[in-house]
Amino acid sequence: MSETETETETEPPLLADVYPALVSFLDAALVSEGEYALAQVVMGLRFHGWCGCSPTCSYLRTAVADRADSTWIHLDDEAPRVWLQFDQDRTSFGGMEICEFDLGPAPALDRDRPSGLG
């Protein structure tokens, strides 16, 4: 097996394959804000798992932990449903805090979803 094949096999799943409703929501919200490039980025985000600092932490990682920047945004007019954390280059997202968003049933690709996220 070539090195490229090995890297592809170990690459985390696309976030869109794990939580399609979340990605659809973020895509539509970013497009409505005129953030077309960021909307395209969301479609390619990978699911790197949950933070794990506590059983109820709702921070979902979309990059390795050291890629996250200190800049956050949310796209909702009312109470934020999802906070997006930029990566260090501010061209993608390192993760997101899921506040008030129904992720639906926990899929097989996510065995470690925090309690209380519904």
C-alpha atoms as a PDB file:
ATOM      1  CA  MET A   1       0.000   0.000   0.000  1.00  0.00           C
ATOM      2  CA  SER A   2       1.340   3.454  -0.864  1.00  0.00           C
ATOM      3  CA  GLU A   3       1.839   6.254   1.639  1.00  0.00           C
ATOM      4  CA  THR A   4      -1.028   8.239   0.054  1.00  0.00           C
ATOM      5  CA  GLU A   5      -3.438   5.331   0.480  1.00  0.00           C
ATOM      6  CA  THR A   6      -2.428   4.975   4.135  1.00  0.00           C
ATOM      7  CA  GLU A   7      -3.010   8.686   4.827  1.00  0.00           C
ATOM      8  CA  THR A   8      -6.446   8.549   3.193  1.00  0.00           C
ATOM      9  CA  GLU A   9      -7.486   5.508   5.218  1.00  0.00           C
ATOM     10  CA  THR A  10      -6.595   7.179   8.526  1.00  0.00           C
ATOM     11  CA  GLU A  11      -8.083  10.568   7.680  1.00  0.00           C
ATOM     12  CA  PRO A  12     -11.022  11.468   9.938  1.00  0.00           C
ATOM     13  CA  PRO A  13     -14.469  11.322   8.325  1.00  0.00           C
ATOM     14  CA  LEU A  14     -16.008  14.405   6.793  1.00  0.00           C
ATOM     15  CA  LEU A  15     -18.152  16.326   9.255  1.00  0.00           C
ATOM     16  CA  ALA A  16     -20.881  16.272   6.575  1.00  0.00           C
ATOM     17  CA  ASP A  17     -20.902  12.459   6.763  1.00  0.00           C
ATOM     18  CA  VAL A  18     -21.193  12.482  10.557  1.00  0.00           C
ATOM     19  CA  TYR A  19     -23.564  15.435  11.079  1.00  0.00           C
ATOM     20  CA  PRO A  20     -25.109  16.451   7.725  1.00  0.00           C
ATOM     21  CA  ALA A  21     -27.786  18.690   9.291  1.00  0.00           C
ATOM     22  CA  LEU A  22     -25.116  20.707  11.115  1.00  0.00           C
ATOM     23  CA  VAL A  23     -23.044  21.184   7.970  1.00  0.00           C
ATOM     24  CA  SER A  24     -26.151  22.118   5.971  1.00  0.00           C
ATOM     25  CA  PHE A  25     -27.110  24.710   8.605  1.00  0.00           C
ATOM     26  CA  LEU A  26     -23.592  26.202   8.678  1.00  0.00           C
ATOM     27  CA  ASP A  27     -23.352  26.248   4.887  1.00  0.00           C
ATOM     28  CA  ALA A  28     -26.678  28.087   4.531  1.00  0.00           C
ATOM     29  CA  ALA A  29     -25.867  30.524   7.346  1.00  0.00           C
ATOM     30  CA  LEU A  30     -22.452  31.386   5.901  1.00  0.00           C
ATOM     31  CA  VAL A  31     -23.888  31.841   2.395  1.00  0.00           C
ATOM     32  CA  SER A  32     -26.612  34.133   3.760  1.00  0.00           C
ATOM     33  CA  GLU A  33     -23.853  36.252   5.346  1.00  0.00           C
ATOM     34  CA  GLY A  34     -22.007  36.420   2.029  1.00  0.00           C
ATOM     35  CA  GLU A  35     -19.201  34.191   3.303  1.00  0.00           C
ATOM     36  CA  TYR A  36     -19.048  31.918   0.256  1.00  0.00           C
ATOM     37  CA  ALA A  37     -15.426  30.831   0.742  1.00  0.00           C
ATOM     38  CA  LEU A  38     -16.071  29.835   4.363  1.00  0.00           C
ATOM     39  CA  ALA A  39     -19.230  27.992   3.306  1.00  0.00           C
ATOM     40  CA  GLN A  40     -17.128  25.904   0.922  1.00  0.00           C
ATOM     41  CA  VAL A  41     -14.623  25.253   3.705  1.00  0.00           C
ATOM     42  CA  VAL A  42     -17.397  23.878   5.941  1.00  0.00           C
ATOM     43  CA  MET A  43     -18.207  21.255   3.325  1.00  0.00           C
ATOM     44  CA  GLY A  44     -14.654  19.885   3.615  1.00  0.00           C
ATOM     45  CA  LEU A  45     -14.265  19.963   7.404  1.00  0.00           C
ATOM     46  CA  ARG A  46     -13.208  16.723   9.064  1.00  0.00           C
ATOM     47  CA  PHE A  47     -14.665  15.333  12.283  1.00  0.00           C
ATOM     48  CA  HIS A  48     -11.800  15.051  14.784  1.00  0.00           C
ATOM     49  CA  GLY A  49     -14.053  14.158  17.721  1.00  0.00           C
ATOM     50  CA  TRP A  50     -15.151  15.969  20.839  1.00  0.00           C
ATOM     51  CA  CYS A  51     -12.996  17.902  23.277  1.00  0.00           C
ATOM     52  CA  GLY A  52     -13.304  15.381  26.101  1.00  0.00           C
ATOM     53  CA  CYS A  53     -12.447  17.764  28.949  1.00  0.00           C
ATOM     54  CA  SER A  54     -15.710  16.702  30.621  1.00  0.00           C
ATOM     55  CA  PRO A  55     -18.588  14.329  29.840  1.00  0.00           C
ATOM     56  CA  THR A  56     -20.795  17.284  28.892  1.00  0.00           C
ATOM     57  CA  CYS A  57     -18.317  19.449  26.938  1.00  0.00           C
ATOM     58  CA  SER A  58     -19.925  20.384  23.623  1.00  0.00           C
ATOM     59  CA  TYR A  59     -16.796  21.482  21.735  1.00  0.00           C
ATOM     60  CA  LEU A  60     -16.498  19.574  18.465  1.00  0.00           C
ATOM     61  CA  ARG A  61     -13.012  19.495  16.905  1.00  0.00           C
ATOM     62  CA  THR A  62     -12.668  19.940  13.132  1.00  0.00           C
ATOM     63  CA  ALA A  63      -8.866  20.072  13.134  1.00  0.00           C
ATOM     64  CA  VAL A  64      -6.052  18.938  15.394  1.00  0.00           C
ATOM     65  CA  ALA A  65      -6.152  20.825  18.699  1.00  0.00           C
ATOM     66  CA  ASP A  66      -3.120  23.043  18.101  1.00  0.00           C
ATOM     67  CA  ARG A  67      -4.677  24.522  14.911  1.00  0.00           C
ATOM     68  CA  ALA A  68      -7.422  26.439  16.757  1.00  0.00           C
ATOM     69  CA  ASP A  69      -7.154  30.225  16.999  1.00  0.00           C
ATOM     70  CA  SER A  70      -8.634  32.450  19.702  1.00  0.00           C
ATOM     71  CA  THR A  71     -11.158  34.046  17.280  1.00  0.00           C
ATOM     72  CA  TRP A  72     -14.784  32.909  17.412  1.00  0.00           C
ATOM     73  CA  ILE A  73     -17.915  33.828  15.449  1.00  0.00           C
ATOM     74  CA  HIS A  74     -21.576  32.883  15.543  1.00  0.00           C
ATOM     75  CA  LEU A  75     -24.104  33.326  12.763  1.00  0.00           C
ATOM     76  CA  ASP A  76     -27.406  33.572  14.585  1.00  0.00           C
ATOM     77  CA  ASP A  77     -29.410  36.722  15.224  1.00  0.00           C
ATOM     78  CA  GLU A  78     -30.825  35.376  18.463  1.00  0.00           C
ATOM     79  CA  ALA A  79     -29.034  33.222  21.026  1.00  0.00           C
ATOM     80  CA  PRO A  80     -26.109  31.484  19.312  1.00  0.00           C
ATOM     81  CA  ARG A  81     -26.772  27.911  18.297  1.00  0.00           C
ATOM     82  CA  VAL A  82     -23.209  27.225  17.183  1.00  0.00           C
ATOM     83  CA  TRP A  83     -19.983  29.153  17.838  1.00  0.00           C
ATOM     84  CA  LEU A  84     -17.314  28.622  15.169  1.00  0.00           C
ATOM     85  CA  GLN A  85     -13.649  28.849  16.129  1.00  0.00           C
ATOM     86  CA  PHE A  86     -11.278  29.866  13.344  1.00  0.00           C
ATOM     87  CA  ASP A  87      -8.049  28.008  12.712  1.00  0.00           C
ATOM     88  CA  GLN A  88      -4.740  29.841  13.006  1.00  0.00           C
ATOM     89  CA  ASP A  89      -4.803  30.923   9.358  1.00  0.00           C
ATOM     90  CA  ARG A  90      -8.413  32.146   9.645  1.00  0.00           C
ATOM     91  CA  THR A  91      -9.213  30.358   6.392  1.00  0.00           C
ATOM     92  CA  SER A  92     -10.964  27.416   8.052  1.00  0.00           C
ATOM     93  CA  PHE A  93     -12.300  26.342  11.427  1.00  0.00           C
ATOM     94  CA  GLY A  94     -10.489  24.500  14.181  1.00  0.00           C
ATOM     95  CA  GLY A  95     -13.674  23.588  15.970  1.00  0.00           C
ATOM     96  CA  MET A  96     -17.070  24.692  17.157  1.00  0.00           C
ATOM     97  CA  GLU A  97     -19.116  24.886  20.329  1.00  0.00           C
ATOM     98  CA  ILE A  98     -22.546  23.320  19.874  1.00  0.00           C
ATOM     99  CA  CYS A  99     -24.960  25.329  22.044  1.00  0.00           C
ATOM    100  CA  GLU A 100     -28.562  24.931  20.905  1.00  0.00           C
ATOM    101  CA  PHE A 101     -28.471  22.686  17.875  1.00  0.00           C
ATOM    102  CA  ASP A 102     -30.198  19.324  17.530  1.00  0.00           C
ATOM    103  CA  LEU A 103     -27.572  17.027  16.027  1.00  0.00           C
ATOM    104  CA  GLY A 104     -30.064  14.185  15.669  1.00  0.00           C
ATOM    105  CA  PRO A 105     -29.263  10.597  16.600  1.00  0.00           C
ATOM    106  CA  ALA A 106     -25.631   9.790  17.336  1.00  0.00           C
ATOM    107  CA  PRO A 107     -24.261   8.152  14.183  1.00  0.00           C
ATOM    108  CA  ALA A 108     -21.926   5.156  14.110  1.00  0.00           C
ATOM    109  CA  LEU A 109     -19.097   7.528  13.112  1.00  0.00           C
ATOM    110  CA  ASP A 110     -19.405   9.269  16.497  1.00  0.00           C
ATOM    111  CA  ARG A 111     -19.251   6.858  19.396  1.00  0.00           C
ATOM    112  CA  ASP A 112     -18.110   9.438  21.958  1.00  0.00           C
ATOM    113  CA  ARG A 113     -20.757  12.152  21.690  1.00  0.00           C
ATOM    114  CA  PRO A 114     -21.136  14.066  24.969  1.00  0.00           C
ATOM    115  CA  SER A 115     -24.207  13.466  27.086  1.00  0.00           C
ATOM    116  CA  GLY A 116     -26.915  16.061  26.745  1.00  0.00           C
ATOM    117  CA  LEU A 117     -26.374  16.805  23.058  1.00  0.00           C
ATOM    118  CA  GLY A 118     -29.524  15.831  21.345  1.00  0.00           C
END
